[in-house]
């Protein structure tokens, strides 16, 4: 699934480890979303990531052009 997770992390100068520590979401799950390998992530997972990064789900999930 395409997303802006990688872009947002880079902008905020954060790492997957930071998101893991703050949210408790497994590094495997976060890595799958980061590399866009996860086809259908859990909505609660996406909400936690968006809340931690202080972005909307739309910003997280809509790929930039």
Protein backbone atom coordinates (compact mmCIF):
# COMPACT_ATOMS: atom_id res chain seq x y z
CA UNK A 1 0.00 0.00 0.00
CA UNK A 2 1.40 3.36 -1.00
CA UNK A 3 1.80 5.92 1.78
CA UNK A 4 3.82 8.90 3.01
CA UNK A 5 5.20 7.22 6.14
CA UNK A 6 8.80 7.36 4.89
CA UNK A 7 8.46 11.00 3.75
CA UNK A 8 6.89 12.13 7.04
CA UNK A 9 9.53 10.35 9.12
CA UNK A 10 12.29 12.01 7.09
CA UNK A 11 10.71 15.46 7.46
CA UNK A 12 10.37 15.02 11.21
CA UNK A 13 13.83 13.43 11.47
CA UNK A 14 12.40 10.39 13.20
CA UNK A 15 13.20 6.71 12.88
CA UNK A 16 11.10 3.56 12.94
CA UNK A 17 12.58 2.91 16.39
CA UNK A 18 11.11 6.20 17.66
CA UNK A 19 7.64 5.22 16.45
CA UNK A 20 8.05 1.74 17.94
CA UNK A 21 9.04 3.11 21.36
CA UNK A 22 6.19 5.62 21.45
CA UNK A 23 3.40 3.41 20.10
CA UNK A 24 4.39 -0.18 20.84
CA UNK A 25 3.67 -1.15 17.22
CA UNK A 26 6.06 -3.92 16.22
CA UNK A 27 9.12 -2.97 14.20
CA UNK A 28 8.16 -5.64 11.65
CA UNK A 29 4.79 -3.97 11.07
CA UNK A 30 6.35 -0.49 10.90
CA UNK A 31 9.03 -1.67 8.49
CA UNK A 32 6.40 -3.27 6.24
CA UNK A 33 4.47 0.00 6.10
CA UNK A 34 7.68 2.01 5.60
CA UNK A 35 8.73 -0.03 2.58
CA UNK A 36 5.12 -0.24 1.33
CA UNK A 37 5.12 -4.05 1.58
CA UNK A 38 2.03 -4.17 3.79
CA UNK A 39 -1.07 -4.54 1.64
CA UNK A 40 -3.78 -3.96 4.22
CA UNK A 41 -2.55 -2.59 7.57
CA UNK A 42 -4.87 -2.51 10.56
CA UNK A 43 -6.75 0.79 10.86
CA UNK A 44 -5.88 1.10 14.57
CA UNK A 45 -2.19 0.78 13.68
CA UNK A 46 -2.49 3.56 11.11
CA UNK A 47 -4.37 5.76 13.58
CA UNK A 48 -1.62 5.28 16.20
CA UNK A 49 1.08 6.16 13.68
CA UNK A 50 -0.81 9.25 12.49
CA UNK A 51 -1.42 10.40 16.06
CA UNK A 52 2.24 9.97 17.02
CA UNK A 53 3.42 11.86 13.92
CA UNK A 54 0.71 14.50 14.44
CA UNK A 55 -0.69 14.09 10.92
CA UNK A 56 -4.10 13.12 9.56
CA UNK A 57 -4.76 9.68 8.10
CA UNK A 58 -5.15 11.42 4.76
CA UNK A 59 -1.66 12.91 5.01
CA UNK A 60 -0.24 9.54 6.00
CA UNK A 61 -1.98 7.52 3.30
CA UNK A 62 -2.12 9.82 0.26
CA UNK A 63 1.11 9.46 -1.71
CA UNK A 64 2.69 12.75 -2.73
CA UNK A 65 3.01 13.38 -6.42
